[in-house]
């Protein structure tokens, strides 16, 4: 039976919260609270005694969850349009007071720090998700990331804006809702129920404390040799715009070329037609001359033949007369001799 002090008030400083956490990290102060999703009363009891969330605002507590505010570092990448530097640039902001804020650009990702420091006992696990109002804005966080038992430090949320809208966030805005689940009992936490123990050993997670967002990003990107996390949509849109501009230039060039080519084509076709007509007329004229020459030649030959035939007919007629005369003369002589 433990004699460690249980508290009825919230820690007044981060150091006090840290000391309470060290005291109760591996010992459950409320073993009679069931291993289940905690209700608001149990959440308050554990926060007060174990210091697992600091600072803690009781006004943000709901029936079975806690609304967590943003505060601290914000990191994102954007394309610079300045005349001195163009390309991808890393932006780091620090939200520390009420007027501090940032714009979450369309189709972008930002890594946003949550205000409290979380120190999670070994018998507790946390899950969180975006508040409903942010989900209906078209923002995306993911589905139920788990904060492991033994985690100690700040949490950083990768916040995606999947819309064409720009959303403004400021220090103290409630971004997520968090739920608390108590793990099944283990003898390590001195809360055994008699007769239910077993010999299995609890595996303790060795989680580095007080990591900042740069460490998270470095660890996540180092194996892939990357140094930034940006949405692919702006690149796709930029590439699309470039292609559209190139297509417009090409279309304009084709139109100019088409007009010029059309004129040249018309002139070429006209010249070809005229040339063809000229060639055709020239050929027709040559054929006509040849035809006329042939007709003339054969006409002259026919005339010669006709004249020759007439002359031959006259000769034949003369020879026939002479033959008749000879026959008459020869016949009479023969008769007289006989």
C-alpha atoms as a PDB file:
ATOM      1  CA  UNK A   1       0.000   0.000   0.000  1.00  0.00           C
ATOM      2  CA  UNK A   2       1.495   3.321  -1.046  1.00  0.00           C
ATOM      3  CA  UNK A   3       1.717   6.353   1.183  1.00  0.00           C
ATOM      4  CA  UNK A   4       2.513   8.822  -1.641  1.00  0.00           C
ATOM      5  CA  UNK A   5       0.546  12.036  -1.511  1.00  0.00           C
ATOM      6  CA  UNK A   6      -2.511  12.453  -3.702  1.00  0.00           C
ATOM      7  CA  UNK A   7      -3.416  15.998  -4.720  1.00  0.00           C
ATOM      8  CA  UNK A   8      -6.717  17.862  -4.922  1.00  0.00           C
ATOM      9  CA  UNK A   9      -5.376  20.888  -6.802  1.00  0.00           C
ATOM     10  CA  UNK A  10      -3.644  21.322 -10.158  1.00  0.00           C
ATOM     11  CA  UNK A  11       0.133  21.900 -10.326  1.00  0.00           C
ATOM     12  CA  UNK A  12       1.006  25.591 -10.220  1.00  0.00           C
ATOM     13  CA  UNK A  13       4.191  25.299 -12.289  1.00  0.00           C
ATOM     14  CA  UNK A  14       5.806  23.010 -14.838  1.00  0.00           C
ATOM     15  CA  UNK A  15       8.386  21.952 -12.265  1.00  0.00           C
ATOM     16  CA  UNK A  16       5.677  20.981  -9.813  1.00  0.00           C
ATOM     17  CA  UNK A  17       3.914  18.981 -12.534  1.00  0.00           C
ATOM     18  CA  UNK A  18       7.203  17.245 -13.349  1.00  0.00           C
ATOM     19  CA  UNK A  19       7.786  16.288  -9.713  1.00  0.00           C
ATOM     20  CA  UNK A  20       4.283  14.852  -9.347  1.00  0.00           C
ATOM     21  CA  UNK A  21       4.811  12.857 -12.539  1.00  0.00           C
ATOM     22  CA  UNK A  22       8.063  11.367 -11.281  1.00  0.00           C
ATOM     23  CA  UNK A  23       6.300  10.314  -8.081  1.00  0.00           C
ATOM     24  CA  UNK A  24       3.386   8.596  -9.829  1.00  0.00           C
ATOM     25  CA  UNK A  25       4.831   7.598 -13.217  1.00  0.00           C
ATOM     26  CA  UNK A  26       4.967   3.881 -12.362  1.00  0.00           C
ATOM     27  CA  UNK A  27       2.379   3.793  -9.573  1.00  0.00           C
ATOM     28  CA  UNK A  28      -1.343   4.109 -10.142  1.00  0.00           C
ATOM     29  CA  UNK A  29      -2.778   6.460  -7.489  1.00  0.00           C
ATOM     30  CA  UNK A  30      -6.326   5.303  -8.212  1.00  0.00           C
ATOM     31  CA  UNK A  31      -6.276   1.520  -8.747  1.00  0.00           C
ATOM     32  CA  UNK A  32     -10.019   1.281  -8.189  1.00  0.00           C
ATOM     33  CA  UNK A  33     -10.694   3.354 -11.324  1.00  0.00           C
ATOM     34  CA  UNK A  34     -11.509   0.831 -14.028  1.00  0.00           C
ATOM     35  CA  UNK A  35      -9.246   0.182 -17.023  1.00  0.00           C
ATOM     36  CA  UNK A  36     -11.372   1.981 -19.577  1.00  0.00           C
ATOM     37  CA  UNK A  37     -11.927   5.297 -21.325  1.00  0.00           C
ATOM     38  CA  UNK A  38     -11.835   7.852 -18.508  1.00  0.00           C
ATOM     39  CA  UNK A  39     -14.689  10.207 -17.744  1.00  0.00           C
ATOM     40  CA  UNK A  40     -14.104  13.873 -16.922  1.00  0.00           C
ATOM     41  CA  UNK A  41     -14.000  13.302 -13.134  1.00  0.00           C
ATOM     42  CA  UNK A  42     -11.280  10.656 -13.422  1.00  0.00           C
ATOM     43  CA  UNK A  43      -9.330  12.796 -15.896  1.00  0.00           C
ATOM     44  CA  UNK A  44      -9.236  15.653 -13.396  1.00  0.00           C
ATOM     45  CA  UNK A  45      -8.088  13.351 -10.590  1.00  0.00           C
ATOM     46  CA  UNK A  46      -5.196  11.947 -12.625  1.00  0.00           C
ATOM     47  CA  UNK A  47      -4.148  15.383 -13.944  1.00  0.00           C
ATOM     48  CA  UNK A  48      -4.017  16.814 -10.424  1.00  0.00           C
ATOM     49  CA  UNK A  49      -2.074  13.953  -8.863  1.00  0.00           C
ATOM     50  CA  UNK A  50       0.239  12.811 -11.694  1.00  0.00           C
ATOM     51  CA  UNK A  51       0.772  16.189 -13.412  1.00  0.00           C
ATOM     52  CA  UNK A  52       0.258  14.484 -16.792  1.00  0.00           C
ATOM     53  CA  UNK A  53      -0.918  17.716 -18.484  1.00  0.00           C
ATOM     54  CA  UNK A  54       0.444  21.167 -17.732  1.00  0.00           C
ATOM     55  CA  UNK A  55      -0.997  23.742 -18.080  1.00  0.00           C
ATOM     56  CA  UNK A  56      -4.500  22.332 -17.777  1.00  0.00           C
ATOM     57  CA  UNK A  57      -7.704  24.334 -18.303  1.00  0.00           C
ATOM     58  CA  UNK A  58     -10.700  22.720 -16.629  1.00  0.00           C
ATOM     59  CA  UNK A  59     -13.024  24.822 -18.813  1.00  0.00           C
ATOM     60  CA  UNK A  60     -11.907  22.793 -21.853  1.00  0.00           C
ATOM     61  CA  UNK A  61     -12.893  19.488 -20.230  1.00  0.00           C
ATOM     62  CA  UNK A  62     -15.798  17.550 -21.754  1.00  0.00           C
ATOM     63  CA  UNK A  63     -17.631  14.406 -20.632  1.00  0.00           C
ATOM     64  CA  UNK A  64     -14.935  11.984 -21.851  1.00  0.00           C
ATOM     65  CA  UNK A  65     -12.352  14.198 -23.550  1.00  0.00           C
ATOM     66  CA  UNK A  66     -10.278  17.354 -23.244  1.00  0.00           C
ATOM     67  CA  UNK A  67      -9.967  20.182 -25.804  1.00  0.00           C
ATOM     68  CA  UNK A  68      -6.287  21.026 -26.307  1.00  0.00           C
ATOM     69  CA  UNK A  69      -5.046  24.484 -27.291  1.00  0.00           C
ATOM     70  CA  UNK A  70      -2.236  25.326 -29.683  1.00  0.00           C
ATOM     71  CA  UNK A  71       0.833  27.261 -28.601  1.00  0.00           C
ATOM     72  CA  UNK A  72       4.541  27.192 -29.386  1.00  0.00           C
ATOM     73  CA  UNK A  73       6.361  26.415 -32.623  1.00  0.00           C
ATOM     74  CA  UNK A  74       4.788  26.257 -36.052  1.00  0.00           C
ATOM     75  CA  UNK A  75       6.791  25.059 -39.060  1.00  0.00           C
ATOM     76  CA  UNK A  76       5.827  24.870 -42.713  1.00  0.00           C
ATOM     77  CA  UNK A  77       7.367  25.275 -46.173  1.00  0.00           C
ATOM     78  CA  UNK A  78       6.249  27.641 -48.890  1.00  0.00           C
ATOM     79  CA  UNK A  79       7.405  28.890 -52.271  1.00  0.00           C
ATOM     80  CA  UNK A  80       9.102  32.267 -52.144  1.00  0.00           C
ATOM     81  CA  UNK A  81       8.153  34.884 -54.744  1.00  0.00           C
ATOM     82  CA  UNK A  82      10.638  37.516 -53.617  1.00  0.00           C
ATOM     83  CA  UNK A  83      12.933  39.009 -56.230  1.00  0.00           C
ATOM     84  CA  UNK A  84      16.054  38.061 -54.257  1.00  0.00           C
ATOM     85  CA  UNK A  85      15.177  34.421 -53.617  1.00  0.00           C
ATOM     86  CA  UNK A  86      12.893  32.055 -55.452  1.00  0.00           C
ATOM     87  CA  UNK A  87      12.073  28.493 -54.503  1.00  0.00           C
ATOM     88  CA  UNK A  88      11.105  26.570 -51.402  1.00  0.00           C
ATOM     89  CA  UNK A  89      11.667  28.264 -48.052  1.00  0.00           C
ATOM     90  CA  UNK A  90      11.165  27.032 -44.501  1.00  0.00           C
ATOM     91  CA  UNK A  91       9.013  29.198 -42.226  1.00  0.00           C
ATOM     92  CA  UNK A  92       9.272  28.995 -38.421  1.00  0.00           C
ATOM     93  CA  UNK A  93       6.898  30.855 -36.135  1.00  0.00           C
ATOM     94  CA  UNK A  94       6.366  30.900 -32.385  1.00  0.00           C
ATOM     95  CA  UNK A  95       2.872  31.349 -30.970  1.00  0.00           C
ATOM     96  CA  UNK A  96       3.344  32.770 -27.474  1.00  0.00           C
ATOM     97  CA  UNK A  97       0.671  35.427 -26.943  1.00  0.00           C
ATOM     98  CA  UNK A  98      -2.899  36.148 -27.996  1.00  0.00           C
ATOM     99  CA  UNK A  99      -2.157  38.062 -31.206  1.00  0.00           C
ATOM    100  CA  UNK A 100       0.319  35.477 -32.548  1.00  0.00           C
ATOM    101  CA  UNK A 101      -1.047  33.443 -35.432  1.00  0.00           C
ATOM    102  CA  UNK A 102      -0.455  31.985 -38.875  1.00  0.00           C
ATOM    103  CA  UNK A 103      -2.304  31.286 -42.111  1.00  0.00           C
ATOM    104  CA  UNK A 104      -2.714  27.718 -43.270  1.00  0.00           C
ATOM    105  CA  UNK A 105      -2.564  28.110 -47.038  1.00  0.00           C
ATOM    106  CA  UNK A 106      -4.667  26.075 -49.493  1.00  0.00           C
ATOM    107  CA  UNK A 107      -3.344  22.569 -50.127  1.00  0.00           C
ATOM    108  CA  UNK A 108      -0.559  22.886 -47.563  1.00  0.00           C
ATOM    109  CA  UNK A 109       0.827  21.172 -44.461  1.00  0.00           C
ATOM    110  CA  UNK A 110       1.904  22.821 -41.207  1.00  0.00           C
ATOM    111  CA  UNK A 111       3.402  21.263 -38.080  1.00  0.00           C
ATOM    112  CA  UNK A 112       1.709  22.913 -35.110  1.00  0.00           C
ATOM    113  CA  UNK A 113       2.733  22.594 -31.440  1.00  0.00           C
ATOM    114  CA  UNK A 114       0.159  21.993 -28.737  1.00  0.00           C
ATOM    115  CA  UNK A 115       0.425  24.303 -25.734  1.00  0.00           C
ATOM    116  CA  UNK A 116       0.604  21.819 -22.820  1.00  0.00           C
ATOM    117  CA  UNK A 117       3.487  19.621 -21.843  1.00  0.00           C
ATOM    118  CA  UNK A 118       2.339  15.999 -21.643  1.00  0.00           C
ATOM    119  CA  UNK A 119       3.805  13.538 -19.137  1.00  0.00           C
ATOM    120  CA  UNK A 120       1.970  10.252 -19.544  1.00  0.00           C
ATOM    121  CA  UNK A 121       2.157   7.624 -16.759  1.00  0.00           C
ATOM    122  CA  UNK A 122       2.999   4.074 -17.757  1.00  0.00           C
ATOM    123  CA  UNK A 123      -0.575   2.897 -17.121  1.00  0.00           C
ATOM    124  CA  UNK A 124      -2.179   5.537 -19.354  1.00  0.00           C
ATOM    125  CA  UNK A 125      -2.486   6.071 -23.127  1.00  0.00           C
ATOM    126  CA  UNK A 126      -3.869   9.084 -25.010  1.00  0.00           C
ATOM    127  CA  UNK A 127      -5.610   9.397 -28.352  1.00  0.00           C
ATOM    128  CA  UNK A 128      -6.635  12.568 -30.132  1.00  0.00           C
ATOM    129  CA  UNK A 129      -8.312  13.859 -33.241  1.00  0.00           C
ATOM    130  CA  UNK A 130      -9.359  17.160 -34.778  1.00  0.00           C
ATOM    131  CA  UNK A 131     -12.318  18.991 -33.374  1.00  0.00           C
ATOM    132  CA  UNK A 132     -15.415  18.449 -35.485  1.00  0.00           C
ATOM    133  CA  UNK A 133     -15.540  22.070 -36.660  1.00  0.00           C
ATOM    134  CA  UNK A 134     -12.068  21.732 -38.194  1.00  0.00           C
ATOM    135  CA  UNK A 135     -13.012  18.475 -39.909  1.00  0.00           C
ATOM    136  CA  UNK A 136     -15.934  20.244 -41.579  1.00  0.00           C
ATOM    137  CA  UNK A 137     -13.532  22.924 -42.801  1.00  0.00           C
ATOM    138  CA  UNK A 138     -11.854  20.237 -44.917  1.00  0.00           C
ATOM    139  CA  UNK A 139      -8.804  19.922 -42.658  1.00  0.00           C
ATOM    140  CA  UNK A 140      -7.134  16.600 -41.974  1.00  0.00           C
ATOM    141  CA  UNK A 141      -5.126  15.346 -39.009  1.00  0.00           C
ATOM    142  CA  UNK A 142      -5.378  11.570 -39.259  1.00  0.00           C
ATOM    143  CA  UNK A 143      -7.382   8.953 -37.442  1.00  0.00           C
ATOM    144  CA  UNK A 144      -6.662   8.557 -33.758  1.00  0.00           C
ATOM    145  CA  UNK A 145      -2.867   8.851 -33.277  1.00  0.00           C
ATOM    146  CA  UNK A 146      -1.752   7.182 -30.036  1.00  0.00           C
ATOM    147  CA  UNK A 147       0.404   8.925 -27.424  1.00  0.00           C
ATOM    148  CA  UNK A 148       2.277   6.062 -25.824  1.00  0.00           C
ATOM    149  CA  UNK A 149       2.582   5.396 -22.092  1.00  0.00           C
ATOM    150  CA  UNK A 150       5.731   7.043 -20.740  1.00  0.00           C
ATOM    151  CA  UNK A 151       5.732   9.887 -23.275  1.00  0.00           C
ATOM    152  CA  UNK A 152       7.028  13.193 -21.895  1.00  0.00           C
ATOM    153  CA  UNK A 153       7.208  16.460 -23.813  1.00  0.00           C
ATOM    154  CA  UNK A 154       5.377  18.612 -26.356  1.00  0.00           C
ATOM    155  CA  UNK A 155       3.165  17.215 -29.100  1.00  0.00           C
ATOM    156  CA  UNK A 156       3.262  18.510 -32.664  1.00  0.00           C
ATOM    157  CA  UNK A 157       0.349  18.072 -35.024  1.00  0.00           C
ATOM    158  CA  UNK A 158       0.770  17.723 -38.826  1.00  0.00           C
ATOM    159  CA  UNK A 159      -2.211  19.751 -40.017  1.00  0.00           C
ATOM    160  CA  UNK A 160      -3.294  19.367 -43.650  1.00  0.00           C
ATOM    161  CA  UNK A 161      -5.461  21.864 -45.507  1.00  0.00           C
ATOM    162  CA  UNK A 162      -7.044  19.956 -48.394  1.00  0.00           C
ATOM    163  CA  UNK A 163      -9.137  22.892 -49.585  1.00  0.00           C
ATOM    164  CA  UNK A 164      -8.671  26.018 -51.711  1.00  0.00           C
ATOM    165  CA  UNK A 165      -9.440  28.152 -48.637  1.00  0.00           C
ATOM    166  CA  UNK A 166      -6.946  29.914 -46.363  1.00  0.00           C
ATOM    167  CA  UNK A 167      -7.566  29.325 -42.647  1.00  0.00           C
ATOM    168  CA  UNK A 168      -6.136  31.485 -39.873  1.00  0.00           C
ATOM    169  CA  UNK A 169      -5.062  30.003 -36.532  1.00  0.00           C
ATOM    170  CA  UNK A 170      -3.897  31.896 -33.464  1.00  0.00           C
ATOM    171  CA  UNK A 171      -2.390  31.162 -30.097  1.00  0.00           C
ATOM    172  CA  UNK A 172      -4.909  29.526 -27.709  1.00  0.00           C
ATOM    173  CA  UNK A 173      -7.220  28.099 -30.401  1.00  0.00           C
ATOM    174  CA  UNK A 174      -8.503  24.661 -29.475  1.00  0.00           C
ATOM    175  CA  UNK A 175      -7.378  22.357 -32.263  1.00  0.00           C
ATOM    176  CA  UNK A 176      -7.915  18.786 -31.067  1.00  0.00           C
ATOM    177  CA  UNK A 177      -9.887  16.752 -28.563  1.00  0.00           C
ATOM    178  CA  UNK A 178      -7.990  14.200 -26.486  1.00  0.00           C
ATOM    179  CA  UNK A 179      -9.247  11.070 -24.742  1.00  0.00           C
ATOM    180  CA  UNK A 180      -7.575   9.108 -21.934  1.00  0.00           C
ATOM    181  CA  UNK A 181      -7.561   5.338 -21.622  1.00  0.00           C
ATOM    182  CA  UNK A 182      -6.252   3.447 -18.622  1.00  0.00           C
ATOM    183  CA  UNK A 183      -4.277   0.302 -19.452  1.00  0.00           C
ATOM    184  CA  UNK A 184      -5.069  -3.134 -18.068  1.00  0.00           C
ATOM    185  CA  UNK A 185      -3.601  -3.718 -14.593  1.00  0.00           C
ATOM    186  CA  UNK A 186      -0.010  -4.819 -14.091  1.00  0.00           C
ATOM    187  CA  UNK A 187       1.943  -5.583 -10.925  1.00  0.00           C
ATOM    188  CA  UNK A 188       4.516  -2.939 -11.881  1.00  0.00           C
ATOM    189  CA  UNK A 189       1.984  -0.258 -10.890  1.00  0.00           C
ATOM    190  CA  UNK A 190       1.225  -1.753  -7.446  1.00  0.00           C
ATOM    191  CA  UNK A 191      -2.471  -2.144  -8.133  1.00  0.00           C
ATOM    192  CA  UNK A 192      -2.922  -5.884  -8.324  1.00  0.00           C
ATOM    193  CA  UNK A 193      -6.183  -7.570  -7.542  1.00  0.00           C
ATOM    194  CA  UNK A 194      -5.440 -10.649  -5.426  1.00  0.00           C
ATOM    195  CA  UNK A 195      -5.449 -13.912  -7.351  1.00  0.00           C
ATOM    196  CA  UNK A 196      -5.269 -12.345 -10.848  1.00  0.00           C
ATOM    197  CA  UNK A 197      -1.515 -11.845 -11.189  1.00  0.00           C
ATOM    198  CA  UNK A 198       0.644 -13.454 -13.908  1.00  0.00           C
ATOM    199  CA  UNK A 199       4.380 -13.735 -14.462  1.00  0.00           C
ATOM    200  CA  UNK A 200       4.654 -11.719 -17.715  1.00  0.00           C
ATOM    201  CA  UNK A 201       6.950  -8.680 -17.503  1.00  0.00           C
ATOM    202  CA  UNK A 202       5.815  -5.251 -18.630  1.00  0.00           C
ATOM    203  CA  UNK A 203       7.903  -3.812 -21.484  1.00  0.00           C
ATOM    204  CA  UNK A 204       8.848  -0.247 -20.670  1.00  0.00           C
ATOM    205  CA  UNK A 205       9.147   2.209 -23.551  1.00  0.00           C
ATOM    206  CA  UNK A 206      12.350   4.278 -23.587  1.00  0.00           C
ATOM    207  CA  UNK A 207      11.048   7.575 -24.952  1.00  0.00           C
ATOM    208  CA  UNK A 208      13.341  10.640 -25.101  1.00  0.00           C
ATOM    209  CA  UNK A 209      12.002  13.612 -23.175  1.00  0.00           C
ATOM    210  CA  UNK A 210      11.301  17.167 -24.358  1.00  0.00           C
ATOM    211  CA  UNK A 211      11.829  16.654 -28.069  1.00  0.00           C
ATOM    212  CA  UNK A 212      11.068  19.629 -30.296  1.00  0.00           C
ATOM    213  CA  UNK A 213       9.475  19.635 -33.729  1.00  0.00           C
ATOM    214  CA  UNK A 214      12.856  19.845 -35.486  1.00  0.00           C
ATOM    215  CA  UNK A 215      13.884  16.545 -33.910  1.00  0.00           C
ATOM    216  CA  UNK A 216      10.673  14.869 -35.008  1.00  0.00           C
ATOM    217  CA  UNK A 217      11.095  16.132 -38.575  1.00  0.00           C
ATOM    218  CA  UNK A 218      14.780  15.234 -38.714  1.00  0.00           C
ATOM    219  CA  UNK A 219      14.113  11.678 -37.553  1.00  0.00           C
ATOM    220  CA  UNK A 220      11.209  11.259 -39.961  1.00  0.00           C
ATOM    221  CA  UNK A 221      13.069  12.579 -43.031  1.00  0.00           C
ATOM    222  CA  UNK A 222      16.695  11.540 -42.478  1.00  0.00           C
ATOM    223  CA  UNK A 223      16.414   8.002 -43.867  1.00  0.00           C
ATOM    224  CA  UNK A 224      14.856   9.339 -47.058  1.00  0.00           C
ATOM    225  CA  UNK A 225      17.456  12.132 -47.373  1.00  0.00           C
ATOM    226  CA  UNK A 226      14.750  14.784 -47.464  1.00  0.00           C
ATOM    227  CA  UNK A 227      14.646  18.203 -45.812  1.00  0.00           C
ATOM    228  CA  UNK A 228      11.077  19.389 -46.321  1.00  0.00           C
ATOM    229  CA  UNK A 229       7.449  18.279 -46.182  1.00  0.00           C
ATOM    230  CA  UNK A 230       5.143  20.029 -48.620  1.00  0.00           C
ATOM    231  CA  UNK A 231       1.890  19.178 -50.307  1.00  0.00           C
ATOM    232  CA  UNK A 232       2.242  17.761 -53.825  1.00  0.00           C
ATOM    233  CA  UNK A 233      -0.892  19.580 -54.986  1.00  0.00           C
ATOM    234  CA  UNK A 234       0.724  23.039 -55.417  1.00  0.00           C
ATOM    235  CA  UNK A 235       3.488  21.433 -57.507  1.00  0.00           C
ATOM    236  CA  UNK A 236       0.878  19.722 -59.642  1.00  0.00           C
ATOM    237  CA  UNK A 237      -1.063  22.974 -60.004  1.00  0.00           C
ATOM    238  CA  UNK A 238       2.132  24.854 -60.861  1.00  0.00           C
ATOM    239  CA  UNK A 239       3.087  22.234 -63.438  1.00  0.00           C
ATOM    240  CA  UNK A 240      -0.445  22.363 -64.832  1.00  0.00           C
ATOM    241  CA  UNK A 241      -0.268  26.161 -65.136  1.00  0.00           C
ATOM    242  CA  UNK A 242       3.099  25.915 -66.886  1.00  0.00           C
ATOM    243  CA  UNK A 243       1.722  23.350 -69.305  1.00  0.00           C
ATOM    244  CA  UNK A 244      -1.353  25.499 -69.946  1.00  0.00           C
ATOM    245  CA  UNK A 245       0.836  28.518 -70.701  1.00  0.00           C
ATOM    246  CA  UNK A 246       3.027  26.449 -73.004  1.00  0.00           C
ATOM    247  CA  UNK A 247      -0.080  25.082 -74.705  1.00  0.00           C
ATOM    248  CA  UNK A 248      -1.429  28.616 -75.154  1.00  0.00           C
ATOM    249  CA  UNK A 249       1.876  29.762 -76.651  1.00  0.00           C
ATOM    250  CA  UNK A 250       1.932  26.755 -78.945  1.00  0.00           C
ATOM    251  CA  UNK A 251      -1.684  27.365 -79.956  1.00  0.00           C
ATOM    252  CA  UNK A 252      -0.899  31.009 -80.764  1.00  0.00           C
ATOM    253  CA  UNK A 253       2.156  29.951 -82.741  1.00  0.00           C
ATOM    254  CA  UNK A 254       0.112  27.378 -84.632  1.00  0.00           C
ATOM    255  CA  UNK A 255      -2.566  29.971 -85.364  1.00  0.00           C
ATOM    256  CA  UNK A 256       0.038  32.372 -86.742  1.00  0.00           C
ATOM    257  CA  UNK A 257       1.662  29.567 -88.665  1.00  0.00           C
ATOM    258  CA  UNK A 258      -1.716  28.376 -89.918  1.00  0.00           C
ATOM    259  CA  UNK A 259      -2.671  31.812 -91.245  1.00  0.00           C
ATOM    260  CA  UNK A 260       0.671  32.210 -93.006  1.00  0.00           C
ATOM    261  CA  UNK A 261       0.627  28.651 -94.237  1.00  0.00           C
ATOM    262  CA  UNK A 262      -2.929  29.048 -95.441  1.00  0.00           C
ATOM    263  CA  UNK A 263      -1.993  32.079 -97.518  1.00  0.00           C
ATOM    264  CA  UNK A 264       1.040  30.289 -98.918  1.00  0.00           C
ATOM    265  CA  UNK A 265      -1.088  27.219 -99.558  1.00  0.00           C
ATOM    266  CA  UNK A 266      -3.721  29.264-101.402  1.00  0.00           C
ATOM    267  CA  UNK A 267      -1.074  30.961-103.525  1.00  0.00           C
ATOM    268  CA  UNK A 268       0.655  27.638-104.176  1.00  0.00           C
ATOM    269  CA  UNK A 269      -2.574  25.925-105.157  1.00  0.00           C
ATOM    270  CA  UNK A 270      -3.599  28.835-107.348  1.00  0.00           C
ATOM    271  CA  UNK A 271      -0.199  28.795-109.047  1.00  0.00           C
ATOM    272  CA  UNK A 272      -0.439  25.070-109.516  1.00  0.00           C
ATOM    273  CA  UNK A 273      -3.909  25.350-111.011  1.00  0.00           C
ATOM    274  CA  UNK A 274      -2.857  28.128-113.343  1.00  0.00           C
ATOM    275  CA  UNK A 275       0.276  26.217-114.279  1.00  0.00           C
ATOM    276  CA  UNK A 276      -1.759  23.083-114.846  1.00  0.00           C
ATOM    277  CA  UNK A 277      -4.235  24.984-116.978  1.00  0.00           C
ATOM    278  CA  UNK A 278      -1.350  26.499-118.926  1.00  0.00           C
ATOM    279  CA  UNK A 279       0.244  23.133-119.438  1.00  0.00           C
ATOM    280  CA  UNK A 280      -3.084  21.658-120.426  1.00  0.00           C
ATOM    281  CA  UNK A 281      -3.795  24.461-122.896  1.00  0.00           C
ATOM    282  CA  UNK A 282      -0.290  24.223-124.288  1.00  0.00           C
ATOM    283  CA  UNK A 283      -0.643  20.451-124.711  1.00  0.00           C
ATOM    284  CA  UNK A 284      -4.050  20.865-126.267  1.00  0.00           C
ATOM    285  CA  UNK A 285      -2.664  23.390-128.717  1.00  0.00           C
ATOM    286  CA  UNK A 286       0.157  21.033-129.707  1.00  0.00           C
ATOM    287  CA  UNK A 287      -2.263  18.171-130.180  1.00  0.00           C
ATOM    288  CA  UNK A 288      -4.512  20.366-132.292  1.00  0.00           C
ATOM    289  CA  UNK A 289      -1.608  21.388-134.500  1.00  0.00           C
ATOM    290  CA  UNK A 290      -0.543  17.763-134.882  1.00  0.00           C
ATOM    291  CA  UNK A 291      -4.103  16.733-135.715  1.00  0.00           C
ATOM    292  CA  UNK A 292      -4.455  19.480-138.280  1.00  0.00           C
ATOM    293  CA  UNK A 293      -1.107  18.544-139.833  1.00  0.00           C
ATOM    294  CA  UNK A 294      -2.133  14.887-140.064  1.00  0.00           C
ATOM    295  CA  UNK A 295      -5.519  15.795-141.538  1.00  0.00           C
ATOM    296  CA  UNK A 296      -3.830  18.058-144.088  1.00  0.00           C
ATOM    297  CA  UNK A 297      -1.232  15.439-144.948  1.00  0.00           C
ATOM    298  CA  UNK A 298      -3.729  12.663-145.443  1.00  0.00           C
ATOM    299  CA  UNK A 299      -6.058  15.031-147.229  1.00  0.00           C
ATOM    300  CA  UNK A 300      -3.300  15.815-149.689  1.00  0.00           C
ATOM    301  CA  UNK A 301      -2.517  12.104-150.078  1.00  0.00           C
ATOM    302  CA  UNK A 302      -6.161  11.318-150.695  1.00  0.00           C
ATOM    303  CA  UNK A 303      -6.291  14.020-153.349  1.00  0.00           C
ATOM    304  CA  UNK A 304      -3.172  12.553-154.994  1.00  0.00           C
ATOM    305  CA  UNK A 305      -4.648   9.085-154.855  1.00  0.00           C
ATOM    306  CA  UNK A 306      -7.934  10.313-156.245  1.00  0.00           C
ATOM    307  CA  UNK A 307      -6.101  12.037-159.123  1.00  0.00           C
ATOM    308  CA  UNK A 308      -4.029   8.911-159.742  1.00  0.00           C
ATOM    309  CA  UNK A 309      -7.143   6.794-159.810  1.00  0.00           C
ATOM    310  CA  UNK A 310      -8.762   9.161-162.320  1.00  0.00           C
ATOM    311  CA  UNK A 311      -5.681   9.028-164.504  1.00  0.00           C
ATOM    312  CA  UNK A 312      -5.575   5.239-164.281  1.00  0.00           C
ATOM    313  CA  UNK A 313      -9.245   5.014-165.146  1.00  0.00           C
ATOM    314  CA  UNK A 314      -8.607   7.182-168.223  1.00  0.00           C
ATOM    315  CA  UNK A 315      -5.627   5.001-169.226  1.00  0.00           C
ATOM    316  CA  UNK A 316      -7.670   1.870-168.804  1.00  0.00           C
ATOM    317  CA  UNK A 317     -10.441   3.327-170.869  1.00  0.00           C
ATOM    318  CA  UNK A 318      -7.971   4.216-173.636  1.00  0.00           C
ATOM    319  CA  UNK A 319      -6.373   0.778-173.545  1.00  0.00           C
ATOM    320  CA  UNK A 320      -9.805  -0.805-173.747  1.00  0.00           C
ATOM    321  CA  UNK A 321     -10.612   1.174-176.862  1.00  0.00           C
ATOM    322  CA  UNK A 322      -7.314   0.263-178.440  1.00  0.00           C
ATOM    323  CA  UNK A 323      -7.876  -3.384-177.580  1.00  0.00           C
ATOM    324  CA  UNK A 324     -11.272  -3.293-179.165  1.00  0.00           C
ATOM    325  CA  UNK A 325      -9.889  -1.792-182.312  1.00  0.00           C
ATOM    326  CA  UNK A 326      -7.143  -4.401-182.486  1.00  0.00           C
ATOM    327  CA  UNK A 327      -9.617  -7.171-182.021  1.00  0.00           C
ATOM    328  CA  UNK A 328     -11.766  -5.908-184.774  1.00  0.00           C
ATOM    329  CA  UNK A 329      -8.837  -5.607-187.186  1.00  0.00           C
ATOM    330  CA  UNK A 330      -7.271  -8.934-186.311  1.00  0.00           C
ATOM    331  CA  UNK A 331     -10.520 -10.855-186.589  1.00  0.00           C
ATOM    332  CA  UNK A 332     -11.203  -9.644-190.123  1.00  0.00           C
ATOM    333  CA  UNK A 333      -7.693 -10.521-191.398  1.00  0.00           C
ATOM    334  CA  UNK A 334      -7.895 -14.017-190.136  1.00  0.00           C
ATOM    335  CA  UNK A 335     -11.121 -14.717-191.865  1.00  0.00           C
ATOM    336  CA  UNK A 336      -9.766 -13.505-195.166  1.00  0.00           C
ATOM    337  CA  UNK A 337      -6.740 -15.763-194.979  1.00  0.00           C
ATOM    338  CA  UNK A 338      -8.828 -18.827-194.322  1.00  0.00           C
END
